[in-house]
Amino acid sequence: MANEAYSVVTRKGQITLPAEIRRALDIQEGDKVAVSLAEREQMAIIVRPVRSVAEATFGAVEPLKQPADLDMLRRAFEEGLAAEALSEASARDASQEPA
């Protein structure tokens, strides 16, 4: 086996993946790995990184439209509220004027 490395099994059944194996598989701290028995040999295991579909496909497709500019939306909302308040105040003042 070209990339064979050794590790020790602890009392809890845990092993440490040797650094050269982690580098070869690009496995980082916190990554998930799948461990399975090799199909042809019952005396071998396969360790492979498990990547989420979201992580693996992020950025693969351009969005149809760009995300909204939240500051611009907030300003437009505030300006709309201000215009509505002015309109209501003007209507109130007009209804209170003596005839």
PDB file of N, CA and C in Angstrom:
ATOM      1  N   MET A   1       0.859  -1.187   0.000  1.00  0.00           N
ATOM      2  CA  MET A   1       0.000   0.000   0.000  1.00  0.00           C
ATOM      3  C   MET A   1       0.894   1.235   0.000  1.00  0.00           C
ATOM      4  N   ALA A   2       0.705   2.161  -0.926  1.00  0.00           N
ATOM      5  CA  ALA A   2       1.609   3.296  -1.103  1.00  0.00           C
ATOM      6  C   ALA A   2       1.551   4.296   0.047  1.00  0.00           C
ATOM      7  N   ASN A   3       0.371   4.582   0.567  1.00  0.00           N
ATOM      8  CA  ASN A   3       0.229   5.582   1.626  1.00  0.00           C
ATOM      9  C   ASN A   3      -0.059   4.945   2.978  1.00  0.00           C
ATOM     10  N   GLU A   4       0.597   3.844   3.277  1.00  0.00           N
ATOM     11  CA  GLU A   4       0.337   3.162   4.541  1.00  0.00           C
ATOM     12  C   GLU A   4       1.027   3.895   5.687  1.00  0.00           C
ATOM     13  N   ALA A   5       0.304   4.048   6.799  1.00  0.00           N
ATOM     14  CA  ALA A   5       0.845   4.652   8.008  1.00  0.00           C
ATOM     15  C   ALA A   5       0.241   3.908   9.187  1.00  0.00           C
ATOM     16  N   TYR A   6       0.832   4.064  10.344  1.00  0.00           N
ATOM     17  CA  TYR A   6       0.397   3.293  11.507  1.00  0.00           C
ATOM     18  C   TYR A   6      -0.168   4.199  12.585  1.00  0.00           C
ATOM     19  N   SER A   7      -1.102   3.639  13.359  1.00  0.00           N
ATOM     20  CA  SER A   7      -1.717   4.327  14.473  1.00  0.00           C
ATOM     21  C   SER A   7      -2.042   3.288  15.536  1.00  0.00           C
ATOM     22  N   VAL A   8      -2.302   3.718  16.755  1.00  0.00           N
ATOM     23  CA  VAL A   8      -2.624   2.827  17.855  1.00  0.00           C
ATOM     24  C   VAL A   8      -4.080   3.020  18.246  1.00  0.00           C
ATOM     25  N   VAL A   9      -4.771   1.927  18.526  1.00  0.00           N
ATOM     26  CA  VAL A   9      -6.165   1.983  18.964  1.00  0.00           C
ATOM     27  C   VAL A   9      -6.171   2.176  20.477  1.00  0.00           C
ATOM     28  N   THR A  10      -6.936   3.181  20.953  1.00  0.00           N
ATOM     29  CA  THR A  10      -7.023   3.433  22.400  1.00  0.00           C
ATOM     30  C   THR A  10      -8.035   2.496  23.047  1.00  0.00           C
ATOM     31  N   ARG A  11      -8.131   2.567  24.378  1.00  0.00           N
ATOM     32  CA  ARG A  11      -9.127   1.765  25.101  1.00  0.00           C
ATOM     33  C   ARG A  11     -10.535   2.036  24.611  1.00  0.00           C
ATOM     34  N   LYS A  12     -10.791   3.265  24.181  1.00  0.00           N
ATOM     35  CA  LYS A  12     -12.122   3.647  23.702  1.00  0.00           C
ATOM     36  C   LYS A  12     -12.341   3.297  22.232  1.00  0.00           C
ATOM     37  N   GLY A  13     -11.366   2.646  21.611  1.00  0.00           N
ATOM     38  CA  GLY A  13     -11.511   2.261  20.210  1.00  0.00           C
ATOM     39  C   GLY A  13     -11.191   3.393  19.244  1.00  0.00           C
ATOM     40  N   GLN A  14     -10.550   4.440  19.732  1.00  0.00           N
ATOM     41  CA  GLN A  14     -10.231   5.588  18.880  1.00  0.00           C
ATOM     42  C   GLN A  14      -8.841   5.436  18.270  1.00  0.00           C
ATOM     43  N   ILE A  15      -8.677   6.033  17.090  1.00  0.00           N
ATOM     44  CA  ILE A  15      -7.360   6.078  16.453  1.00  0.00           C
ATOM     45  C   ILE A  15      -7.097   7.519  16.027  1.00  0.00           C
ATOM     46  N   THR A  16      -5.841   7.838  15.865  1.00  0.00           N
ATOM     47  CA  THR A  16      -5.447   9.127  15.308  1.00  0.00           C
ATOM     48  C   THR A  16      -5.026   8.885  13.873  1.00  0.00           C
ATOM     49  N   LEU A  17      -5.596   9.656  12.953  1.00  0.00           N
ATOM     50  CA  LEU A  17      -5.167   9.532  11.560  1.00  0.00           C
ATOM     51  C   LEU A  17      -3.792  10.182  11.441  1.00  0.00           C
ATOM     52  N   PRO A  18      -2.816   9.465  10.945  1.00  0.00           N
ATOM     53  CA  PRO A  18      -1.480  10.041  10.796  1.00  0.00           C
ATOM     54  C   PRO A  18      -1.509  11.281   9.889  1.00  0.00           C
ATOM     55  N   ALA A  19      -0.601  12.202  10.161  1.00  0.00           N
ATOM     56  CA  ALA A  19      -0.562  13.490   9.455  1.00  0.00           C
ATOM     57  C   ALA A  19      -0.487  13.321   7.940  1.00  0.00           C
ATOM     58  N   GLU A  20       0.311  12.366   7.463  1.00  0.00           N
ATOM     59  CA  GLU A  20       0.447  12.215   6.007  1.00  0.00           C
ATOM     60  C   GLU A  20      -0.862  11.759   5.363  1.00  0.00           C
ATOM     61  N   ILE A  21      -1.641  10.970   6.087  1.00  0.00           N
ATOM     62  CA  ILE A  21      -2.955  10.545   5.581  1.00  0.00           C
ATOM     63  C   ILE A  21      -3.916  11.731   5.589  1.00  0.00           C
ATOM     64  N   ARG A  22      -3.918  12.518   6.684  1.00  0.00           N
ATOM     65  CA  ARG A  22      -4.794  13.700   6.747  1.00  0.00           C
ATOM     66  C   ARG A  22      -4.465  14.680   5.629  1.00  0.00           C
ATOM     67  N   ARG A  23      -3.182  14.881   5.378  1.00  0.00           N
ATOM     68  CA  ARG A  23      -2.783  15.795   4.287  1.00  0.00           C
ATOM     69  C   ARG A  23      -3.233  15.253   2.936  1.00  0.00           C
ATOM     70  N   ALA A  24      -3.018  13.964   2.709  1.00  0.00           N
ATOM     71  CA  ALA A  24      -3.376  13.358   1.413  1.00  0.00           C
ATOM     72  C   ALA A  24      -4.878  13.449   1.154  1.00  0.00           C
ATOM     73  N   LEU A  25      -5.691  13.332   2.227  1.00  0.00           N
ATOM     74  CA  LEU A  25      -7.149  13.391   2.072  1.00  0.00           C
ATOM     75  C   LEU A  25      -7.719  14.775   2.342  1.00  0.00           C
ATOM     76  N   ASP A  26      -6.844  15.735   2.646  1.00  0.00           N
ATOM     77  CA  ASP A  26      -7.248  17.104   2.986  1.00  0.00           C
ATOM     78  C   ASP A  26      -8.279  17.099   4.119  1.00  0.00           C
ATOM     79  N   ILE A  27      -7.979  16.358   5.169  1.00  0.00           N
ATOM     80  CA  ILE A  27      -8.851  16.282   6.341  1.00  0.00           C
ATOM     81  C   ILE A  27      -8.328  17.262   7.386  1.00  0.00           C
ATOM     82  N   GLN A  28      -9.211  18.151   7.825  1.00  0.00           N
ATOM     83  CA  GLN A  28      -8.867  19.173   8.822  1.00  0.00           C
ATOM     84  C   GLN A  28      -9.567  18.871  10.139  1.00  0.00           C
ATOM     85  N   GLU A  29      -9.121  19.514  11.195  1.00  0.00           N
ATOM     86  CA  GLU A  29      -9.768  19.361  12.498  1.00  0.00           C
ATOM     87  C   GLU A  29     -11.251  19.700  12.378  1.00  0.00           C
ATOM     88  N   GLY A  30     -12.104  18.846  12.923  1.00  0.00           N
ATOM     89  CA  GLY A  30     -13.547  19.069  12.887  1.00  0.00           C
ATOM     90  C   GLY A  30     -14.241  18.448  11.676  1.00  0.00           C
ATOM     91  N   ASP A  31     -13.470  18.008  10.673  1.00  0.00           N
ATOM     92  CA  ASP A  31     -14.074  17.358   9.502  1.00  0.00           C
ATOM     93  C   ASP A  31     -14.665  16.018   9.907  1.00  0.00           C
ATOM     94  N   LYS A  32     -15.654  15.567   9.155  1.00  0.00           N
ATOM     95  CA  LYS A  32     -16.240  14.250   9.365  1.00  0.00           C
ATOM     96  C   LYS A  32     -15.600  13.271   8.397  1.00  0.00           C
ATOM     97  N   VAL A  33     -15.448  12.031   8.855  1.00  0.00           N
ATOM     98  CA  VAL A  33     -14.914  10.982   7.990  1.00  0.00           C
ATOM     99  C   VAL A  33     -15.844   9.773   8.062  1.00  0.00           C
ATOM    100  N   ALA A  34     -15.881   9.021   6.982  1.00  0.00           N
ATOM    101  CA  ALA A  34     -16.630   7.765   6.940  1.00  0.00           C
ATOM    102  C   ALA A  34     -15.611   6.632   7.018  1.00  0.00           C
ATOM    103  N   VAL A  35     -15.919   5.634   7.829  1.00  0.00           N
ATOM    104  CA  VAL A  35     -15.050   4.467   7.974  1.00  0.00           C
ATOM    105  C   VAL A  35     -15.876   3.247   7.598  1.00  0.00           C
ATOM    106  N   SER A  36     -15.378   2.457   6.655  1.00  0.00           N
ATOM    107  CA  SER A  36     -16.125   1.272   6.226  1.00  0.00           C
ATOM    108  C   SER A  36     -15.154   0.134   5.940  1.00  0.00           C
ATOM    109  N   LEU A  37     -15.701  -1.083   5.924  1.00  0.00           N
ATOM    110  CA  LEU A  37     -14.894  -2.239   5.557  1.00  0.00           C
ATOM    111  C   LEU A  37     -14.724  -2.262   4.047  1.00  0.00           C
ATOM    112  N   ALA A  38     -13.528  -2.614   3.603  1.00  0.00           N
ATOM    113  CA  ALA A  38     -13.286  -2.759   2.168  1.00  0.00           C
ATOM    114  C   ALA A  38     -14.164  -3.892   1.652  1.00  0.00           C
ATOM    115  N   GLU A  39     -14.765  -3.732   0.492  1.00  0.00           N
ATOM    116  CA  GLU A  39     -15.694  -4.738  -0.039  1.00  0.00           C
ATOM    117  C   GLU A  39     -15.016  -6.070  -0.315  1.00  0.00           C
ATOM    118  N   ARG A  40     -13.820  -6.045  -0.837  1.00  0.00           N
ATOM    119  CA  ARG A  40     -13.154  -7.287  -1.238  1.00  0.00           C
ATOM    120  C   ARG A  40     -12.413  -7.956  -0.079  1.00  0.00           C
ATOM    121  N   GLU A  41     -11.958  -7.154   0.859  1.00  0.00           N
ATOM    122  CA  GLU A  41     -11.185  -7.692   1.978  1.00  0.00           C
ATOM    123  C   GLU A  41     -11.874  -7.344   3.286  1.00  0.00           C
ATOM    124  N   GLN A  42     -12.089  -8.312   4.111  1.00  0.00           N
ATOM    125  CA  GLN A  42     -12.673  -8.034   5.417  1.00  0.00           C
ATOM    126  C   GLN A  42     -11.607  -7.599   6.415  1.00  0.00           C
ATOM    127  N   MET A  43     -10.344  -7.606   6.028  1.00  0.00           N
ATOM    128  CA  MET A  43      -9.262  -7.233   6.931  1.00  0.00           C
ATOM    129  C   MET A  43      -8.735  -5.828   6.629  1.00  0.00           C
ATOM    130  N   ALA A  44      -9.515  -5.006   5.965  1.00  0.00           N
ATOM    131  CA  ALA A  44      -9.080  -3.656   5.644  1.00  0.00           C
ATOM    132  C   ALA A  44     -10.250  -2.696   5.814  1.00  0.00           C
ATOM    133  N   ILE A  45      -9.931  -1.476   6.177  1.00  0.00           N
ATOM    134  CA  ILE A  45     -10.964  -0.444   6.271  1.00  0.00           C
ATOM    135  C   ILE A  45     -10.644   0.676   5.294  1.00  0.00           C
ATOM    136  N   ILE A  46     -11.671   1.416   4.947  1.00  0.00           N
ATOM    137  CA  ILE A  46     -11.535   2.577   4.075  1.00  0.00           C
ATOM    138  C   ILE A  46     -11.945   3.795   4.902  1.00  0.00           C
ATOM    139  N   VAL A  47     -11.109   4.814   4.901  1.00  0.00           N
ATOM    140  CA  VAL A  47     -11.425   6.082   5.557  1.00  0.00           C
ATOM    141  C   VAL A  47     -11.508   7.128   4.466  1.00  0.00           C
ATOM    142  N   ARG A  48     -12.629   7.845   4.428  1.00  0.00           N
ATOM    143  CA  ARG A  48     -12.757   8.900   3.420  1.00  0.00           C
ATOM    144  C   ARG A  48     -13.417  10.118   4.049  1.00  0.00           C
ATOM    145  N   PRO A  49     -13.029  11.304   3.595  1.00  0.00           N
ATOM    146  CA  PRO A  49     -13.675  12.513   4.117  1.00  0.00           C
ATOM    147  C   PRO A  49     -15.125  12.581   3.654  1.00  0.00           C
ATOM    148  N   VAL A  50     -15.978  13.131   4.499  1.00  0.00           N
ATOM    149  CA  VAL A  50     -17.388  13.310   4.164  1.00  0.00           C
ATOM    150  C   VAL A  50     -17.621  14.803   4.037  1.00  0.00           C
ATOM    151  N   ARG A  51     -17.945  15.239   2.857  1.00  0.00           N
ATOM    152  CA  ARG A  51     -18.209  16.657   2.605  1.00  0.00           C
ATOM    153  C   ARG A  51     -19.705  16.841   2.449  1.00  0.00           C
ATOM    154  N   SER A  52     -20.227  17.931   2.994  1.00  0.00           N
ATOM    155  CA  SER A  52     -21.659  18.185   2.837  1.00  0.00           C
ATOM    156  C   SER A  52     -21.942  18.600   1.400  1.00  0.00           C
ATOM    157  N   VAL A  53     -23.143  18.324   0.935  1.00  0.00           N
ATOM    158  CA  VAL A  53     -23.541  18.709  -0.416  1.00  0.00           C
ATOM    159  C   VAL A  53     -23.480  20.225  -0.552  1.00  0.00           C
ATOM    160  N   ALA A  54     -23.933  20.934   0.483  1.00  0.00           N
ATOM    161  CA  ALA A  54     -23.917  22.401   0.438  1.00  0.00           C
ATOM    162  C   ALA A  54     -22.483  22.917   0.301  1.00  0.00           C
ATOM    163  N   GLU A  55     -21.571  22.355   1.073  1.00  0.00           N
ATOM    164  CA  GLU A  55     -20.174  22.781   1.024  1.00  0.00           C
ATOM    165  C   GLU A  55     -19.551  22.442  -0.327  1.00  0.00           C
ATOM    166  N   ALA A  56     -19.847  21.263  -0.831  1.00  0.00           N
ATOM    167  CA  ALA A  56     -19.248  20.814  -2.088  1.00  0.00           C
ATOM    168  C   ALA A  56     -19.759  21.598  -3.288  1.00  0.00           C
ATOM    169  N   THR A  57     -20.993  22.095  -3.237  1.00  0.00           N
ATOM    170  CA  THR A  57     -21.577  22.764  -4.399  1.00  0.00           C
ATOM    171  C   THR A  57     -21.660  24.283  -4.238  1.00  0.00           C
ATOM    172  N   PHE A  58     -21.234  24.820  -3.100  1.00  0.00           N
ATOM    173  CA  PHE A  58     -21.327  26.266  -2.885  1.00  0.00           C
ATOM    174  C   PHE A  58     -20.575  27.015  -3.986  1.00  0.00           C
ATOM    175  N   GLY A  59     -21.245  27.978  -4.608  1.00  0.00           N
ATOM    176  CA  GLY A  59     -20.632  28.807  -5.632  1.00  0.00           C
ATOM    177  C   GLY A  59     -20.566  28.163  -7.005  1.00  0.00           C
ATOM    178  N   ALA A  60     -21.102  26.971  -7.167  1.00  0.00           N
ATOM    179  CA  ALA A  60     -21.029  26.283  -8.456  1.00  0.00           C
ATOM    180  C   ALA A  60     -21.933  26.935  -9.501  1.00  0.00           C
ATOM    181  N   VAL A  61     -22.997  27.603  -9.063  1.00  0.00           N
ATOM    182  CA  VAL A  61     -23.951  28.221  -9.977  1.00  0.00           C
ATOM    183  C   VAL A  61     -24.093  29.698  -9.613  1.00  0.00           C
ATOM    184  N   GLU A  62     -24.036  30.545 -10.626  1.00  0.00           N
ATOM    185  CA  GLU A  62     -24.235  31.977 -10.395  1.00  0.00           C
ATOM    186  C   GLU A  62     -25.692  32.243 -10.026  1.00  0.00           C
ATOM    187  N   PRO A  63     -25.951  33.091  -9.037  1.00  0.00           N
ATOM    188  CA  PRO A  63     -27.339  33.409  -8.701  1.00  0.00           C
ATOM    189  C   PRO A  63     -28.014  34.159  -9.838  1.00  0.00           C
ATOM    190  N   LEU A  64     -29.336  33.980  -9.978  1.00  0.00           N
ATOM    191  CA  LEU A  64     -30.083  34.670 -11.032  1.00  0.00           C
ATOM    192  C   LEU A  64     -30.111  36.168 -10.786  1.00  0.00           C
ATOM    193  N   LYS A  65     -30.189  36.560  -9.520  1.00  0.00           N
ATOM    194  CA  LYS A  65     -30.121  37.981  -9.208  1.00  0.00           C
ATOM    195  C   LYS A  65     -29.257  38.142  -7.969  1.00  0.00           C
ATOM    196  N   GLN A  66     -28.663  39.300  -7.852  1.00  0.00           N
ATOM    197  CA  GLN A  66     -27.789  39.578  -6.720  1.00  0.00           C
ATOM    198  C   GLN A  66     -28.614  39.827  -5.465  1.00  0.00           C
ATOM    199  N   PRO A  67     -28.061  39.536  -4.296  1.00  0.00           N
ATOM    200  CA  PRO A  67     -28.789  39.806  -3.051  1.00  0.00           C
ATOM    201  C   PRO A  67     -29.106  41.292  -2.933  1.00  0.00           C
ATOM    202  N   ALA A  68     -30.205  41.590  -2.258  1.00  0.00           N
ATOM    203  CA  ALA A  68     -30.638  42.978  -2.095  1.00  0.00           C
ATOM    204  C   ALA A  68     -29.655  43.746  -1.223  1.00  0.00           C
ATOM    205  N   ASP A  69     -29.513  45.026  -1.520  1.00  0.00           N
ATOM    206  CA  ASP A  69     -28.710  45.926  -0.700  1.00  0.00           C
ATOM    207  C   ASP A  69     -29.575  46.320   0.498  1.00  0.00           C
ATOM    208  N   LEU A  70     -29.293  45.750   1.657  1.00  0.00           N
ATOM    209  CA  LEU A  70     -30.150  45.960   2.824  1.00  0.00           C
ATOM    210  C   LEU A  70     -30.158  47.416   3.293  1.00  0.00           C
ATOM    211  N   ASP A  71     -29.030  48.115   3.183  1.00  0.00           N
ATOM    212  CA  ASP A  71     -29.003  49.533   3.575  1.00  0.00           C
ATOM    213  C   ASP A  71     -29.925  50.353   2.677  1.00  0.00           C
ATOM    214  N   MET A  72     -29.902  50.064   1.369  1.00  0.00           N
ATOM    215  CA  MET A  72     -30.767  50.778   0.437  1.00  0.00           C
ATOM    216  C   MET A  72     -32.239  50.471   0.735  1.00  0.00           C
ATOM    217  N   LEU A  73     -32.552  49.199   1.025  1.00  0.00           N
ATOM    218  CA  LEU A  73     -33.930  48.845   1.353  1.00  0.00           C
ATOM    219  C   LEU A  73     -34.395  49.535   2.629  1.00  0.00           C
ATOM    220  N   ARG A  74     -33.512  49.625   3.639  1.00  0.00           N
ATOM    221  CA  ARG A  74     -33.853  50.284   4.894  1.00  0.00           C
ATOM    222  C   ARG A  74     -34.132  51.779   4.656  1.00  0.00           C
ATOM    223  N   ARG A  75     -33.270  52.427   3.858  1.00  0.00           N
ATOM    224  CA  ARG A  75     -33.478  53.854   3.559  1.00  0.00           C
ATOM    225  C   ARG A  75     -34.799  54.067   2.829  1.00  0.00           C
ATOM    226  N   ALA A  76     -35.087  53.212   1.844  1.00  0.00           N
ATOM    227  CA  ALA A  76     -36.338  53.335   1.084  1.00  0.00           C
ATOM    228  C   ALA A  76     -37.541  53.148   2.007  1.00  0.00           C
ATOM    229  N   PHE A  77     -37.466  52.192   2.930  1.00  0.00           N
ATOM    230  CA  PHE A  77     -38.548  51.955   3.879  1.00  0.00           C
ATOM    231  C   PHE A  77     -38.741  53.175   4.783  1.00  0.00           C
ATOM    232  N   GLU A  78     -37.627  53.708   5.314  1.00  0.00           N
ATOM    233  CA  GLU A  78     -37.714  54.880   6.193  1.00  0.00           C
ATOM    234  C   GLU A  78     -38.262  56.095   5.446  1.00  0.00           C
ATOM    235  N   GLU A  79     -37.819  56.282   4.196  1.00  0.00           N
ATOM    236  CA  GLU A  79     -38.335  57.405   3.402  1.00  0.00           C
ATOM    237  C   GLU A  79     -39.823  57.226   3.130  1.00  0.00           C
ATOM    238  N   GLY A  80     -40.258  55.994   2.880  1.00  0.00           N
ATOM    239  CA  GLY A  80     -41.674  55.716   2.673  1.00  0.00           C
ATOM    240  C   GLY A  80     -42.487  56.018   3.927  1.00  0.00           C
ATOM    241  N   LEU A  81     -41.965  55.615   5.088  1.00  0.00           N
ATOM    242  CA  LEU A  81     -42.648  55.918   6.350  1.00  0.00           C
ATOM    243  C   LEU A  81     -42.743  57.427   6.575  1.00  0.00           C
ATOM    244  N   ALA A  82     -41.653  58.135   6.306  1.00  0.00           N
ATOM    245  CA  ALA A  82     -41.636  59.586   6.484  1.00  0.00           C
ATOM    246  C   ALA A  82     -42.643  60.256   5.549  1.00  0.00           C
ATOM    247  N   ALA A  83     -42.688  59.820   4.297  1.00  0.00           N
ATOM    248  CA  ALA A  83     -43.635  60.399   3.342  1.00  0.00           C
ATOM    249  C   ALA A  83     -45.069  60.124   3.782  1.00  0.00           C
ATOM    250  N   GLU A  84     -45.326  58.928   4.277  1.00  0.00           N
ATOM    251  CA  GLU A  84     -46.664  58.580   4.756  1.00  0.00           C
ATOM    252  C   GLU A  84     -47.050  59.426   5.971  1.00  0.00           C
ATOM    253  N   ALA A  85     -46.116  59.622   6.885  1.00  0.00           N
ATOM    254  CA  ALA A  85     -46.384  60.436   8.077  1.00  0.00           C
ATOM    255  C   ALA A  85     -46.655  61.884   7.689  1.00  0.00           C
ATOM    256  N   LEU A  86     -45.889  62.439   6.735  1.00  0.00           N
ATOM    257  CA  LEU A  86     -46.107  63.810   6.270  1.00  0.00           C
ATOM    258  C   LEU A  86     -47.473  63.942   5.616  1.00  0.00           C
ATOM    259  N   SER A  87     -47.835  62.939   4.812  1.00  0.00           N
ATOM    260  CA  SER A  87     -49.119  62.960   4.134  1.00  0.00           C
ATOM    261  C   SER A  87     -50.267  62.942   5.144  1.00  0.00           C
ATOM    262  N   GLU A  88     -50.152  62.092   6.147  1.00  0.00           N
ATOM    263  CA  GLU A  88     -51.185  62.019   7.185  1.00  0.00           C
ATOM    264  C   GLU A  88     -51.264  63.321   7.977  1.00  0.00           C
ATOM    265  N   ALA A  89     -50.101  63.907   8.301  1.00  0.00           N
ATOM    266  CA  ALA A  89     -50.074  65.156   9.056  1.00  0.00           C
ATOM    267  C   ALA A  89     -50.683  66.281   8.228  1.00  0.00           C
ATOM    268  N   SER A  90     -50.389  66.320   6.933  1.00  0.00           N
ATOM    269  CA  SER A  90     -50.953  67.346   6.066  1.00  0.00           C
ATOM    270  C   SER A  90     -52.472  67.203   5.959  1.00  0.00           C
ATOM    271  N   ALA A  91     -52.949  65.959   5.859  1.00  0.00           N
ATOM    272  CA  ALA A  91     -54.376  65.704   5.776  1.00  0.00           C
ATOM    273  C   ALA A  91     -55.051  66.109   7.084  1.00  0.00           C
ATOM    274  N   ARG A  92     -54.402  65.852   8.206  1.00  0.00           N
ATOM    275  CA  ARG A  92     -54.956  66.215   9.509  1.00  0.00           C
ATOM    276  C   ARG A  92     -55.021  67.738   9.650  1.00  0.00           C
ATOM    277  N   ASP A  93     -53.949  68.407   9.239  1.00  0.00           N
ATOM    278  CA  ASP A  93     -53.915  69.867   9.322  1.00  0.00           C
ATOM    279  C   ASP A  93     -54.980  70.481   8.419  1.00  0.00           C
ATOM    280  N   ALA A  94     -55.153  69.914   7.222  1.00  0.00           N
ATOM    281  CA  ALA A  94     -56.137  70.447   6.275  1.00  0.00           C
ATOM    282  C   ALA A  94     -57.564  70.277   6.828  1.00  0.00           C
ATOM    283  N   SER A  95     -57.790  69.178   7.532  1.00  0.00           N
ATOM    284  CA  SER A  95     -59.150  68.952   8.045  1.00  0.00           C
ATOM    285  C   SER A  95     -59.445  69.842   9.272  1.00  0.00           C
ATOM    286  N   GLN A  96     -58.411  70.373   9.893  1.00  0.00           N
ATOM    287  CA  GLN A  96     -58.591  71.197  11.099  1.00  0.00           C
ATOM    288  C   GLN A  96     -58.643  72.700  10.781  1.00  0.00           C
ATOM    289  N   GLU A  97     -58.371  73.074   9.521  1.00  0.00           N
ATOM    290  CA  GLU A  97     -58.402  74.505   9.146  1.00  0.00           C
ATOM    291  C   GLU A  97     -59.826  75.017   9.183  1.00  0.00           C
ATOM    292  N   PRO A  98     -60.006  76.244   9.680  1.00  0.00           N
ATOM    293  CA  PRO A  98     -61.358  76.825   9.689  1.00  0.00           C
ATOM    294  C   PRO A  98     -61.831  77.088   8.257  1.00  0.00           C
ATOM    295  N   ALA A  99     -63.110  76.900   8.058  1.00  0.00           N
ATOM    296  CA  ALA A  99     -63.692  77.075   6.734  1.00  0.00           C
ATOM    297  C   ALA A  99     -63.968  78.501   6.398  1.00  0.00           C
TER     298      ALA A  99
END
